[in-house]
Amino acid sequence: MSGSPPDPMPPDQARVNGRAYVEEAEKVVTYLNATAGRSFPFRTPAGGLTANAKIIIARLKQGYTGEQLREVAHLKSEQWKADAKMAEYLRPETLFGERKFSQYVGELKL
């Protein structure tokens, strides 16, 4: 993998109103919470999407897969969890932000 995004999600998977993106993004947040020992919310108390959800959905819309996002969460949790300084960065904004995410994908083993 060169670190560039994969082909976009086929139209049949990007269902009406982005439901497929929302469902996949929720799985990513759930996985991150379990792997990193955190409790990042996916929805606001009013039922809307949090900033965490929106960041993940943005990467999915770019063509990255939920599996890639979960692999990055796993890799960075393994690398950073035991380091008190780095553990604070085990959060959606850092892991899935547009600025660094492609770099993290590039670190994944093929």
N, C-alpha and C. Protein backbone atom coordinates (compact mmCIF):
# COMPACT_ATOMS: atom_id res chain seq x y z
N MET A 1 0.85 -1.18 0.00
CA MET A 1 0.00 0.00 0.00
C MET A 1 0.89 1.23 0.00
N SER A 2 0.58 2.16 -0.86
CA SER A 2 1.41 3.35 -1.01
C SER A 2 1.02 4.48 -0.07
N GLY A 3 -0.08 4.32 0.63
CA GLY A 3 -0.53 5.39 1.52
C GLY A 3 -1.58 6.26 0.88
N SER A 4 -1.82 6.08 -0.42
CA SER A 4 -2.87 6.86 -1.07
C SER A 4 -4.20 6.16 -0.86
N PRO A 5 -5.30 6.92 -0.89
CA PRO A 5 -6.60 6.32 -0.61
C PRO A 5 -6.97 5.28 -1.66
N PRO A 6 -7.72 4.27 -1.24
CA PRO A 6 -8.20 3.26 -2.18
C PRO A 6 -9.30 3.84 -3.05
N ASP A 7 -9.75 3.05 -4.00
CA ASP A 7 -10.86 3.49 -4.85
C ASP A 7 -12.06 3.84 -3.99
N PRO A 8 -12.88 4.81 -4.44
CA PRO A 8 -14.06 5.19 -3.66
C PRO A 8 -15.04 4.03 -3.50
N MET A 9 -15.85 4.14 -2.45
CA MET A 9 -16.86 3.14 -2.17
C MET A 9 -17.85 3.08 -3.35
N PRO A 10 -18.19 1.89 -3.85
CA PRO A 10 -19.16 1.80 -4.93
C PRO A 10 -20.49 2.43 -4.53
N PRO A 11 -21.23 3.00 -5.50
CA PRO A 11 -22.47 3.70 -5.18
C PRO A 11 -23.49 2.87 -4.41
N ASP A 12 -23.57 1.56 -4.66
CA ASP A 12 -24.55 0.75 -3.95
C ASP A 12 -24.23 0.64 -2.47
N GLN A 13 -22.97 0.85 -2.08
CA GLN A 13 -22.60 0.80 -0.67
C GLN A 13 -22.80 2.16 0.01
N ALA A 14 -22.75 3.22 -0.76
CA ALA A 14 -22.96 4.56 -0.20
C ALA A 14 -24.46 4.86 -0.29
N ARG A 15 -25.20 4.21 0.55
CA ARG A 15 -26.66 4.29 0.50
C ARG A 15 -27.17 5.70 0.76
N VAL A 16 -28.45 5.85 0.57
CA VAL A 16 -29.13 7.14 0.72
C VAL A 16 -28.76 7.80 2.04
N ASN A 17 -28.51 9.11 1.99
CA ASN A 17 -28.16 9.91 3.16
C ASN A 17 -26.88 9.47 3.85
N GLY A 18 -26.04 8.73 3.17
CA GLY A 18 -24.77 8.32 3.76
C GLY A 18 -24.92 7.32 4.89
N ARG A 19 -26.03 6.59 4.93
CA ARG A 19 -26.27 5.65 6.02
C ARG A 19 -25.13 4.64 6.17
N ALA A 20 -24.59 4.16 5.06
CA ALA A 20 -23.48 3.19 5.13
C ALA A 20 -22.28 3.83 5.82
N TYR A 21 -22.01 5.09 5.51
CA TYR A 21 -20.90 5.79 6.15
C TYR A 21 -21.12 5.91 7.65
N VAL A 22 -22.32 6.26 8.04
CA VAL A 22 -22.64 6.42 9.46
C VAL A 22 -22.50 5.10 10.20
N GLU A 23 -23.02 4.04 9.62
CA GLU A 23 -22.93 2.73 10.26
C GLU A 23 -21.48 2.28 10.40
N GLU A 24 -20.70 2.48 9.35
CA GLU A 24 -19.28 2.08 9.40
C GLU A 24 -18.51 2.95 10.38
N ALA A 25 -18.78 4.24 10.39
CA ALA A 25 -18.10 5.15 11.31
C ALA A 25 -18.39 4.78 12.76
N GLU A 26 -19.60 4.37 13.04
CA GLU A 26 -19.94 3.98 14.40
C GLU A 26 -19.15 2.74 14.82
N LYS A 27 -18.95 1.83 13.90
CA LYS A 27 -18.14 0.64 14.19
C LYS A 27 -16.69 1.04 14.50
N VAL A 28 -16.19 2.03 13.78
CA VAL A 28 -14.81 2.49 14.01
C VAL A 28 -14.68 3.11 15.40
N VAL A 29 -15.62 3.96 15.78
CA VAL A 29 -15.57 4.59 17.12
C VAL A 29 -15.67 3.52 18.20
N THR A 30 -16.55 2.56 18.01
CA THR A 30 -16.70 1.47 18.99
C THR A 30 -15.39 0.70 19.12
N TYR A 31 -14.76 0.43 17.99
CA TYR A 31 -13.48 -0.30 18.00
C TYR A 31 -12.39 0.52 18.69
N LEU A 32 -12.31 1.80 18.35
CA LEU A 32 -11.31 2.66 18.98
C LEU A 32 -11.51 2.69 20.49
N ASN A 33 -12.74 2.85 20.92
CA ASN A 33 -13.02 2.89 22.36
C ASN A 33 -12.56 1.60 23.05
N ALA A 34 -12.83 0.47 22.42
CA ALA A 34 -12.45 -0.82 23.02
C ALA A 34 -10.93 -0.99 23.02
N THR A 35 -10.29 -0.62 21.93
CA THR A 35 -8.85 -0.81 21.79
C THR A 35 -8.04 0.15 22.66
N ALA A 36 -8.48 1.40 22.72
CA ALA A 36 -7.73 2.42 23.44
C ALA A 36 -8.21 2.59 24.88
N GLY A 37 -9.27 1.90 25.25
CA GLY A 37 -9.80 2.05 26.60
C GLY A 37 -10.42 3.41 26.83
N ARG A 38 -11.12 3.91 25.84
CA ARG A 38 -11.73 5.24 25.90
C ARG A 38 -13.25 5.15 25.78
N SER A 39 -13.89 6.29 25.80
CA SER A 39 -15.36 6.32 25.64
C SER A 39 -15.77 7.53 24.81
N PHE A 40 -15.21 7.63 23.62
CA PHE A 40 -15.56 8.74 22.73
C PHE A 40 -17.00 8.57 22.27
N PRO A 41 -17.81 9.62 22.38
CA PRO A 41 -19.20 9.51 21.94
C PRO A 41 -19.29 9.57 20.42
N PHE A 42 -20.28 8.88 19.88
CA PHE A 42 -20.54 8.91 18.45
C PHE A 42 -21.69 9.87 18.14
N ARG A 43 -22.62 9.95 19.07
CA ARG A 43 -23.77 10.84 18.91
C ARG A 43 -23.85 11.83 20.06
N THR A 44 -24.42 12.99 19.77
CA THR A 44 -24.66 13.99 20.80
C THR A 44 -25.86 13.55 21.64
N PRO A 45 -26.08 14.15 22.79
CA PRO A 45 -27.27 13.81 23.58
C PRO A 45 -28.57 14.00 22.80
N ALA A 46 -28.57 14.92 21.84
CA ALA A 46 -29.77 15.16 21.03
C ALA A 46 -29.89 14.19 19.85
N GLY A 47 -28.89 13.32 19.68
CA GLY A 47 -28.95 12.31 18.62
C GLY A 47 -28.20 12.66 17.35
N GLY A 48 -27.61 13.83 17.29
CA GLY A 48 -26.83 14.21 16.12
C GLY A 48 -25.44 13.56 16.15
N LEU A 49 -24.71 13.74 15.09
CA LEU A 49 -23.35 13.18 15.02
C LEU A 49 -22.36 14.12 15.71
N THR A 50 -21.43 13.54 16.46
CA THR A 50 -20.39 14.33 17.11
C THR A 50 -19.30 14.67 16.09
N ALA A 51 -18.38 15.52 16.50
CA ALA A 51 -17.23 15.84 15.66
C ALA A 51 -16.42 14.57 15.38
N ASN A 52 -16.35 13.66 16.36
CA ASN A 52 -15.65 12.39 16.17
C ASN A 52 -16.23 11.63 14.99
N ALA A 53 -17.54 11.53 14.95
CA ALA A 53 -18.22 10.81 13.87
C ALA A 53 -17.96 11.48 12.53
N LYS A 54 -18.02 12.79 12.50
CA LYS A 54 -17.86 13.53 11.25
C LYS A 54 -16.45 13.39 10.67
N ILE A 55 -15.44 13.33 11.52
CA ILE A 55 -14.06 13.14 11.05
C ILE A 55 -13.92 11.78 10.39
N ILE A 56 -14.48 10.77 11.00
CA ILE A 56 -14.39 9.41 10.46
C ILE A 56 -15.17 9.30 9.16
N ILE A 57 -16.35 9.86 9.13
CA ILE A 57 -17.17 9.84 7.91
C ILE A 57 -16.43 10.54 6.77
N ALA A 58 -15.73 11.61 7.06
CA ALA A 58 -14.96 12.32 6.03
C ALA A 58 -13.91 11.41 5.41
N ARG A 59 -13.22 10.59 6.23
CA ARG A 59 -12.21 9.68 5.68
C ARG A 59 -12.89 8.59 4.85
N LEU A 60 -14.04 8.10 5.30
CA LEU A 60 -14.77 7.09 4.53
C LEU A 60 -15.20 7.66 3.18
N LYS A 61 -15.64 8.89 3.17
CA LYS A 61 -16.07 9.52 1.92
C LYS A 61 -14.89 9.74 0.98
N GLN A 62 -13.69 9.83 1.52
CA GLN A 62 -12.49 9.95 0.68
C GLN A 62 -12.13 8.62 0.03
N GLY A 63 -12.75 7.55 0.50
CA GLY A 63 -12.49 6.25 -0.09
C GLY A 63 -11.74 5.27 0.79
N TYR A 64 -11.34 5.69 1.98
CA TYR A 64 -10.72 4.76 2.91
C TYR A 64 -11.79 3.81 3.41
N THR A 65 -11.38 2.62 3.81
CA THR A 65 -12.33 1.63 4.31
C THR A 65 -12.39 1.65 5.83
N GLY A 66 -13.48 1.14 6.35
CA GLY A 66 -13.61 1.00 7.80
C GLY A 66 -12.51 0.12 8.36
N GLU A 67 -12.13 -0.88 7.60
CA GLU A 67 -11.05 -1.77 8.04
C GLU A 67 -9.75 -1.00 8.19
N GLN A 68 -9.45 -0.11 7.24
CA GLN A 68 -8.23 0.69 7.35
C GLN A 68 -8.27 1.59 8.58
N LEU A 69 -9.41 2.19 8.85
CA LEU A 69 -9.52 3.05 10.02
C LEU A 69 -9.33 2.24 11.31
N ARG A 70 -9.93 1.05 11.36
CA ARG A 70 -9.76 0.21 12.55
C ARG A 70 -8.31 -0.26 12.68
N GLU A 71 -7.65 -0.56 11.56
CA GLU A 71 -6.25 -0.98 11.61
C GLU A 71 -5.37 0.15 12.13
N VAL A 72 -5.64 1.37 11.72
CA VAL A 72 -4.87 2.52 12.24
C VAL A 72 -5.12 2.66 13.74
N ALA A 73 -6.36 2.53 14.16
CA ALA A 73 -6.68 2.62 15.59
C ALA A 73 -5.93 1.55 16.36
N HIS A 74 -5.89 0.34 15.83
CA HIS A 74 -5.18 -0.75 16.49
C HIS A 74 -3.67 -0.48 16.55
N LEU A 75 -3.09 -0.10 15.41
CA LEU A 75 -1.65 0.16 15.34
C LEU A 75 -1.23 1.25 16.32
N LYS A 76 -1.94 2.36 16.29
CA LYS A 76 -1.56 3.49 17.16
C LYS A 76 -1.83 3.17 18.63
N SER A 77 -2.87 2.39 18.90
CA SER A 77 -3.10 1.98 20.29
C SER A 77 -1.95 1.13 20.80
N GLU A 78 -1.49 0.21 19.95
CA GLU A 78 -0.34 -0.63 20.33
C GLU A 78 0.90 0.22 20.56
N GLN A 79 1.12 1.20 19.71
CA GLN A 79 2.32 2.02 19.80
C GLN A 79 2.27 3.04 20.94
N TRP A 80 1.11 3.60 21.18
CA TRP A 80 1.02 4.76 22.07
C TRP A 80 0.39 4.50 23.44
N LYS A 81 -0.34 3.44 23.60
CA LYS A 81 -1.12 3.22 24.83
C LYS A 81 -0.26 3.22 26.10
N ALA A 82 0.91 2.63 26.03
CA ALA A 82 1.77 2.53 27.22
C ALA A 82 2.58 3.79 27.49
N ASP A 83 2.59 4.72 26.56
CA ASP A 83 3.35 5.96 26.69
C ASP A 83 2.39 7.06 27.14
N ALA A 84 2.52 7.52 28.37
CA ALA A 84 1.58 8.51 28.93
C ALA A 84 1.48 9.76 28.06
N LYS A 85 2.59 10.19 27.50
CA LYS A 85 2.57 11.40 26.66
C LYS A 85 1.79 11.16 25.37
N MET A 86 1.99 10.02 24.74
CA MET A 86 1.34 9.73 23.46
C MET A 86 -0.09 9.23 23.62
N ALA A 87 -0.39 8.59 24.75
CA ALA A 87 -1.73 8.02 24.96
C ALA A 87 -2.82 9.08 24.85
N GLU A 88 -2.51 10.32 25.20
CA GLU A 88 -3.52 11.38 25.10
C GLU A 88 -3.92 11.65 23.65
N TYR A 89 -3.09 11.21 22.69
CA TYR A 89 -3.39 11.43 21.28
C TYR A 89 -4.20 10.29 20.66
N LEU A 90 -4.56 9.31 21.46
CA LEU A 90 -5.43 8.24 20.97
C LEU A 90 -6.87 8.75 20.96
N ARG A 91 -7.13 9.60 19.99
CA ARG A 91 -8.45 10.23 19.86
C ARG A 91 -8.75 10.38 18.37
N PRO A 92 -10.02 10.42 18.01
CA PRO A 92 -10.40 10.51 16.59
C PRO A 92 -9.76 11.68 15.86
N GLU A 93 -9.70 12.83 16.48
CA GLU A 93 -9.15 14.02 15.83
C GLU A 93 -7.71 13.78 15.38
N THR A 94 -6.92 13.13 16.20
CA THR A 94 -5.52 12.87 15.86
C THR A 94 -5.38 11.71 14.89
N LEU A 95 -6.05 10.61 15.18
CA LEU A 95 -5.89 9.41 14.37
C LEU A 95 -6.49 9.53 12.97
N PHE A 96 -7.64 10.19 12.87
CA PHE A 96 -8.37 10.20 11.61
C PHE A 96 -8.45 11.57 10.95
N GLY A 97 -7.75 12.54 11.51
CA GLY A 97 -7.73 13.86 10.91
C GLY A 97 -7.08 13.82 9.54
N GLU A 98 -7.48 14.72 8.69
CA GLU A 98 -7.01 14.72 7.30
C GLU A 98 -5.50 14.90 7.20
N ARG A 99 -4.92 15.64 8.09
CA ARG A 99 -3.50 15.98 8.01
C ARG A 99 -2.56 14.77 8.14
N LYS A 100 -2.86 13.83 9.03
CA LYS A 100 -1.93 12.73 9.32
C LYS A 100 -2.43 11.34 8.92
N PHE A 101 -3.72 11.23 8.62
CA PHE A 101 -4.28 9.89 8.43
C PHE A 101 -3.59 9.10 7.32
N SER A 102 -3.32 9.72 6.17
CA SER A 102 -2.68 8.97 5.08
C SER A 102 -1.29 8.48 5.50
N GLN A 103 -0.62 9.24 6.33
CA GLN A 103 0.68 8.79 6.86
C GLN A 103 0.50 7.54 7.70
N TYR A 104 -0.50 7.53 8.57
CA TYR A 104 -0.75 6.37 9.42
C TYR A 104 -1.14 5.15 8.59
N VAL A 105 -1.94 5.36 7.54
CA VAL A 105 -2.29 4.24 6.66
C VAL A 105 -1.03 3.69 6.01
N GLY A 106 -0.12 4.56 5.65
CA GLY A 106 1.14 4.13 5.05
C GLY A 106 2.00 3.29 5.97
N GLU A 107 1.78 3.39 7.26
CA GLU A 107 2.54 2.59 8.24
C GLU A 107 2.00 1.18 8.39
N LEU A 108 0.81 0.93 7.87
CA LEU A 108 0.20 -0.40 8.01
C LEU A 108 0.98 -1.42 7.19
N LYS A 109 1.08 -2.62 7.72
CA LYS A 109 1.73 -3.69 6.98
C LYS A 109 0.76 -4.25 5.97
N LEU A 110 1.28 -4.61 4.81
CA LEU A 110 0.43 -5.17 3.75
C LEU A 110 -0.01 -6.57 4.05
